[in-house]
Protein backbone atom coordinates (compact mmCIF):
# COMPACT_ATOMS: atom_id res chain seq x y z
CA MET A 1 5.19 2.06 1.10
CA ALA A 2 5.46 5.03 2.80
CA VAL A 3 2.32 4.74 3.18
CA GLN A 4 4.12 3.95 4.86
CA GLY A 5 4.00 7.18 3.93
CA PHE A 6 2.54 5.85 0.92
CA ASP A 7 0.29 3.00 1.01
CA SER A 8 -3.32 3.96 0.06
CA ILE A 9 -4.69 4.11 3.55
CA ILE A 10 -7.07 1.22 4.08
CA VAL A 11 -9.89 2.42 6.17
CA CYS A 12 -13.09 1.52 7.91
CA LYS A 13 -16.61 2.84 7.89
CA ALA A 14 -18.03 3.66 11.29
CA GLY A 15 -21.64 3.12 12.23
CA ARG A 16 -24.39 0.72 11.38
CA GLY A 17 -23.24 0.10 7.82
CA LEU A 18 -20.00 -1.45 9.04
CA LEU A 19 -21.70 -3.36 11.83
CA LEU A 20 -24.15 -4.78 9.34
CA ALA A 21 -21.32 -5.83 7.03
CA LEU A 22 -19.55 -7.55 9.92
CA VAL A 23 -22.72 -9.33 11.04
CA VAL A 24 -23.38 -10.53 7.50
CA LEU A 25 -19.81 -11.71 7.16
CA ALA A 26 -19.83 -13.52 10.49
CA ALA A 27 -23.14 -15.19 9.71
CA ALA A 28 -21.88 -16.31 6.33
CA LEU A 29 -18.72 -17.77 7.80
CA MET A 30 -20.52 -19.59 10.58
CA GLY A 31 -23.09 -20.85 8.11
CA GLY A 32 -20.38 -22.25 5.86
CA CYS A 33 -21.70 -20.62 2.67
CA ALA A 34 -18.55 -19.85 0.70
CA SER A 35 -20.13 -17.71 -2.00
CA ILE A 36 -21.92 -15.48 0.51
CA ALA A 37 -18.77 -15.25 2.62
CA ASN A 38 -16.70 -14.14 -0.35
CA LYS A 39 -19.22 -11.45 -1.29
CA ALA A 40 -19.40 -10.29 2.33
CA ALA A 41 -15.61 -10.17 2.53
CA ASP A 42 -15.46 -8.04 -0.60
CA ARG A 43 -18.09 -5.70 0.81
CA LEU A 44 -16.18 -5.47 4.08
CA GLY A 45 -12.99 -4.54 2.24
CA SER A 46 -14.83 -1.87 0.27
CA SER A 47 -16.44 -0.46 3.41
CA LEU A 48 -13.13 -0.37 5.24
CA THR A 49 -11.52 1.48 2.37
CA ALA A 50 -14.32 3.95 1.76
CA GLY A 51 -15.10 4.88 5.34
CA ILE A 52 -11.81 6.22 6.68
CA ALA A 53 -10.40 7.65 3.47
CA ASN A 54 -12.11 10.96 4.22
CA HIS A 55 -11.29 11.02 7.94
CA ASP A 56 -9.21 13.99 9.00
CA ASP A 57 -7.78 12.67 12.28
CA PRO A 58 -4.99 10.09 11.79
CA ASP A 59 -4.69 9.49 15.55
CA THR A 60 -8.29 8.32 15.75
CA VAL A 61 -7.77 6.00 12.81
CA ALA A 62 -4.50 4.66 14.25
CA ALA A 63 -6.24 3.93 17.55
CA GLY A 64 -9.20 2.22 15.92
CA LEU A 65 -7.64 0.08 13.20
CA PRO A 66 -5.98 -2.56 15.43
CA ALA A 67 -9.41 -3.81 16.47
CA TYR A 68 -10.20 -4.56 12.84
CA LEU A 69 -6.84 -6.27 12.35
CA ILE A 70 -7.67 -8.67 15.16
CA LEU A 71 -11.21 -9.08 13.86
CA ILE A 72 -10.10 -10.06 10.38
CA ASP A 73 -7.49 -12.42 11.87
CA GLY A 74 -10.35 -14.22 13.59
CA PHE A 75 -12.38 -14.47 10.41
CA ILE A 76 -9.38 -15.82 8.51
CA ALA A 77 -8.72 -18.40 11.23
CA GLU A 78 -12.29 -19.64 10.75
CA ASP A 79 -12.04 -19.68 6.94
CA PRO A 80 -8.33 -19.81 5.98
CA GLU A 81 -8.94 -20.34 2.25
CA ASN A 82 -11.25 -17.36 1.78
CA ALA A 83 -9.49 -15.22 -0.85
CA GLY A 84 -11.59 -12.13 -0.18
CA LEU A 85 -10.79 -12.17 3.53
CA LEU A 86 -7.10 -12.85 2.95
CA LEU A 87 -6.73 -9.97 0.48
CA ALA A 88 -8.68 -7.63 2.77
CA GLY A 89 -6.31 -8.63 5.59
CA ALA A 90 -3.33 -7.98 3.35
CA LYS A 91 -4.50 -4.45 2.60
CA LEU A 92 -5.23 -3.68 6.24
CA TYR A 93 -1.96 -4.97 7.66
CA SER A 94 0.25 -3.53 4.93
CA SER A 95 -1.33 -0.10 5.12
CA TYR A 96 -1.42 0.03 8.91
CA SER A 97 2.22 -1.01 9.24
CA GLY A 98 3.37 1.54 6.69
CA ALA A 99 1.32 4.50 7.82
CA PHE A 100 1.14 4.20 11.59
CA VAL A 101 3.93 1.99 12.99
CA ALA A 102 7.26 3.60 13.88
CA ASP A 103 8.93 0.74 15.72
CA SER A 104 11.00 -1.13 13.11
CA ALA A 105 10.62 -4.62 14.57
CA ARG A 106 6.86 -4.26 14.95
CA ARG A 107 6.55 -2.71 11.51
CA ARG A 108 8.40 -5.63 9.94
CA ARG A 109 6.26 -8.16 11.81
CA LEU A 110 2.99 -6.57 10.67
CA ALA A 111 4.20 -6.09 7.08
CA ASP A 112 5.23 -9.76 7.03
CA ARG A 113 1.72 -10.76 7.99
CA GLY A 114 0.23 -8.50 5.34
CA PHE A 115 2.39 -10.02 2.62
CA ASP A 116 1.67 -13.54 3.87
CA TYR A 117 -2.06 -12.85 3.61
CA ALA A 118 -1.57 -11.44 0.11
CA ARG A 119 0.25 -14.55 -1.11
CA ARG A 120 -2.31 -16.83 0.49
CA GLY A 121 -5.12 -14.81 -1.05
CA VAL A 122 -3.55 -15.15 -4.49
CA CYS A 123 -3.11 -18.90 -3.98
CA ALA A 124 -6.73 -19.29 -2.88
CA ARG A 125 -8.00 -17.33 -5.88
CA ASP A 126 -5.56 -18.52 -8.58
CA PRO A 127 -3.58 -21.77 -8.02
CA GLU A 128 -1.64 -21.25 -11.27
CA PHE A 129 -0.39 -17.85 -10.09
CA CYS A 130 0.47 -19.47 -6.76
CA ALA A 131 2.71 -21.95 -8.57
CA VAL A 132 4.38 -19.14 -10.51
CA LEU A 133 5.15 -17.29 -7.28
CA ALA A 134 6.68 -20.40 -5.77
CA ASP A 135 8.95 -21.58 -8.57
CA GLY A 136 11.35 -18.60 -8.60
CA ASP A 137 11.55 -18.36 -12.40
CA PHE A 138 11.50 -14.62 -13.16
CA ALA A 139 10.94 -15.08 -16.90
CA ARG A 140 7.86 -17.18 -16.19
CA PHE A 141 6.66 -14.64 -13.61
CA GLU A 142 7.17 -11.83 -16.12
CA ARG A 143 5.14 -13.60 -18.82
CA PHE A 144 2.39 -14.61 -16.43
CA VAL A 145 1.92 -11.12 -14.97
CA GLY A 146 1.93 -9.62 -18.46
CA ASP A 147 -0.98 -11.88 -19.42
CA ARG A 148 -3.22 -10.86 -16.52
CA ARG A 149 -6.71 -9.76 -17.59
CA GLN A 150 -8.12 -6.39 -16.60
CA ASP A 151 -10.43 -8.03 -14.06
CA GLU A 152 -7.37 -9.55 -12.32
CA ILE A 153 -5.55 -6.25 -11.85
CA GLU A 154 -6.98 -5.50 -8.42
CA THR A 155 -5.69 -8.78 -6.99
CA LEU A 156 -2.31 -8.16 -8.60
CA TYR A 157 -2.18 -4.69 -7.04
CA VAL A 158 -2.94 -6.01 -3.56
CA LEU A 159 -0.10 -8.51 -3.95
CA ALA A 160 2.34 -5.96 -5.38
CA SER A 161 1.61 -3.22 -2.84
CA SER A 162 1.80 -5.65 0.09
CA TRP A 163 5.04 -6.99 -1.35
CA ALA A 164 6.43 -3.45 -1.61
CA SER A 165 5.45 -2.73 1.99
CA TRP A 166 7.15 -5.98 3.06
CA LEU A 167 10.32 -4.89 1.26
CA GLN A 168 10.32 -1.39 2.68
CA ALA A 169 9.83 -2.70 6.20
CA ASP A 170 13.46 -3.89 6.06
CA THR A 171 15.45 -2.51 3.13
CA GLY A 172 18.66 -3.78 4.72
CA ASP A 173 17.63 -7.37 4.10
CA TRP A 174 19.20 -8.36 0.78
CA ALA A 175 16.88 -11.36 0.50
CA ARG A 176 14.03 -8.88 0.29
CA ILE A 177 15.90 -6.62 -2.11
CA ALA A 178 16.28 -9.64 -4.40
CA ASP A 179 12.49 -9.57 -4.92
CA LEU A 180 12.60 -5.99 -6.19
CA PRO A 181 12.41 -6.87 -9.93
CA ARG A 182 9.25 -8.92 -9.37
CA ILE A 183 7.61 -6.18 -7.33
CA GLU A 184 8.46 -3.58 -9.94
CA HIS A 185 7.17 -5.74 -12.78
CA ALA A 186 3.86 -6.41 -11.01
CA LEU A 187 3.38 -2.71 -10.22
CA ASP A 188 4.33 -1.74 -13.76
CA ARG A 189 1.64 -4.09 -15.10
CA VAL A 190 -0.97 -2.41 -12.90
CA TRP A 191 0.20 1.05 -13.93
CA ARG A 192 0.11 0.19 -17.63
CA SER A 193 -3.44 -1.08 -17.25
CA ASP A 194 -4.48 2.30 -15.78
CA PRO A 195 -1.95 5.12 -15.16
CA HIS A 196 -4.39 6.81 -12.77
CA TYR A 197 -5.10 3.71 -10.68
CA ASP A 198 -5.42 4.44 -6.95
CA HIS A 199 -4.94 8.21 -7.33
CA GLY A 200 -1.47 7.81 -8.85
CA ASN A 201 -0.16 5.69 -5.99
CA VAL A 202 0.97 2.86 -8.27
CA LEU A 203 3.55 5.13 -9.88
CA ALA A 204 4.41 6.47 -6.42
CA TYR A 205 5.31 2.95 -5.29
CA LEU A 206 7.55 2.59 -8.34
CA GLY A 207 9.17 5.95 -7.67
CA VAL A 208 10.02 5.09 -4.09
CA LEU A 209 11.45 1.72 -5.14
CA ASP A 210 13.74 3.61 -7.54
CA CYS A 211 14.98 5.72 -4.64
CA LEU A 212 15.65 3.00 -2.09
CA ARG A 213 19.27 2.65 -3.28
CA PRO A 214 21.85 5.03 -4.73
CA GLU A 215 22.67 4.70 -8.40
CA SER A 216 25.99 3.02 -7.55
CA LEU A 217 24.04 0.12 -6.01
CA GLY A 218 21.50 -0.20 -8.80
CA GLY A 219 18.99 2.46 -7.77
CA LYS A 220 17.50 4.97 -10.17
CA PRO A 221 16.83 8.04 -8.00
CA GLU A 222 16.41 10.51 -10.86
CA ARG A 223 13.78 8.32 -12.49
CA GLY A 224 12.16 7.91 -9.10
CA ARG A 225 12.05 11.68 -8.66
CA ASP A 226 10.32 12.04 -12.02
CA ARG A 227 7.91 9.19 -11.37
CA LEU A 228 6.80 10.75 -8.09
CA GLU A 229 6.26 14.08 -9.81
CA GLN A 230 4.16 12.33 -12.44
CA ALA A 231 2.18 10.51 -9.76
CA TYR A 232 1.31 13.85 -8.20
CA GLU A 233 0.24 15.25 -11.57
CA ASP A 234 -1.76 12.11 -12.41
CA SER A 235 -3.87 12.75 -9.31
CA LYS A 236 -4.60 16.25 -10.64
CA GLN A 237 -2.42 17.53 -7.79
CA GLN A 238 -4.87 16.22 -5.22
CA ASN A 239 -2.71 13.41 -3.80
CA LEU A 240 -0.03 15.05 -1.67
CA MET A 241 1.78 11.88 -0.62
CA PRO A 242 3.94 11.58 -3.78
CA LYS A 243 5.46 15.01 -3.08
CA VAL A 244 6.34 13.97 0.48
CA LEU A 245 7.89 10.76 -0.80
CA GLN A 246 9.80 12.71 -3.43
CA ALA A 247 11.37 14.81 -0.68
CA GLU A 248 11.99 12.00 1.78
CA PHE A 249 13.33 9.30 -0.50
CA CYS A 250 14.61 10.91 -3.69
CA ALA A 251 15.68 14.45 -2.82
CA ARG A 252 17.56 13.28 0.25
CA LEU A 253 19.23 10.44 -1.64
CA LEU A 254 20.27 12.91 -4.34
CA PHE A 255 21.18 15.48 -1.68
CA ASP A 256 19.02 17.99 -3.55
CA GLN A 257 17.86 20.52 -0.95
CA PRO A 258 16.00 22.82 -3.41
CA LEU A 259 13.89 19.86 -4.61
CA HIS A 260 13.38 18.70 -1.02
CA ASP A 261 12.20 22.06 0.27
CA ALA A 262 10.08 22.87 -2.79
CA ALA A 263 8.21 19.57 -2.57
CA ILE A 264 7.55 20.10 1.12
CA GLN A 265 6.25 23.63 0.56
CA VAL A 266 3.77 22.34 -2.02
CA VAL A 267 2.40 19.93 0.57
CA LEU A 268 2.29 22.41 3.43
CA LYS A 269 0.42 25.01 1.35
CA ALA A 270 -2.11 22.65 -0.23
CA PRO A 271 -5.54 21.89 1.28
CA ALA A 272 -5.89 18.41 2.74
CA ASN A 273 -9.54 17.81 1.96
CA SER A 274 -10.05 15.81 -1.23
CA PRO A 275 -12.51 12.96 -1.84
CA GLY A 276 -10.85 9.66 -1.04
CA LEU A 277 -7.56 11.31 -0.08
CA THR A 278 -8.23 13.40 3.01
CA LEU A 279 -6.64 11.07 5.56
CA SER A 280 -3.64 10.38 3.35
CA ASN A 281 -3.18 14.11 2.77
CA VAL A 282 -3.39 14.93 6.48
CA ILE A 283 -0.69 12.33 7.12
CA ALA A 284 1.35 13.78 4.25
CA LYS A 285 1.16 17.28 5.69
CA ARG A 286 2.21 16.02 9.11
CA ARG A 287 5.17 14.19 7.60
CA ALA A 288 6.11 17.21 5.50
CA ALA A 289 6.38 19.35 8.61
CA GLU A 290 8.64 16.74 10.21
CA LEU A 291 10.84 16.59 7.12
CA MET A 292 11.18 20.36 7.00
CA GLU A 293 12.42 20.37 10.58
CA SER A 294 14.80 17.41 10.21
CA GLY A 295 16.07 18.78 6.90
CA LYS A 296 17.82 21.58 8.78
CA ASP A 297 20.29 19.00 10.09
CA TYR A 298 20.28 16.74 7.02
CA PHE A 299 21.53 19.23 4.42
């Protein structure tokens, strides 16, 4: 999403720490020890997230991440029921497709893989949830998601964010749009468990989903505008991506040039460096500059 513009950017940690994590993971997989493999997969996911989040050069990250996509594909092929690996793959593919891929066909293909890994990861970790996803009963899905424990929220967020990225990769596909209520409900459950989860990005996902369609087609762009503003405030004004998304998705849908330009100016004037958000903010500032230029012809 965004992250597209707006996915939390999933990142990797350069140097010996990452190499050690990969060696441990590979050894665990080859040795067939499931518990060690799961722990190593979780550590790998954490290292990937922590390492690049503070990188200030998106082009370097974009050039380096495909190697890790292929690497995790290989690990999953060796251990296709490993929930930790599948969920790590979901985060990587969904974030990479949203943040760095411009070609629509390629973006859809990579987002599809990310969502597939997310569903498989959920099924490997929780067969009951897997059955709920498969049966198509929204009322059952709604009850089940509402009953998730706090320690299950992270898995739910990986599924929901990958699902949102899958939807946004092709918003013209009405079969994908039909999943919107489920995505929104899953994200809402995460947000209610912790309004500040992932630097406010949960509410940013919800805001963008509100602004994917005009009100005449069931969208809620004014609520989306407000949600994105709240997401920015929830991050203590450190996460710049919600303001970019507010301009790109909501202000343009509402044809509100003052909101559009004001949001962009906030991003352009703000510093990018912020713990855990530097890369995302650099991308946000780059996108804001592009929106300012294209806005001259849009409005």
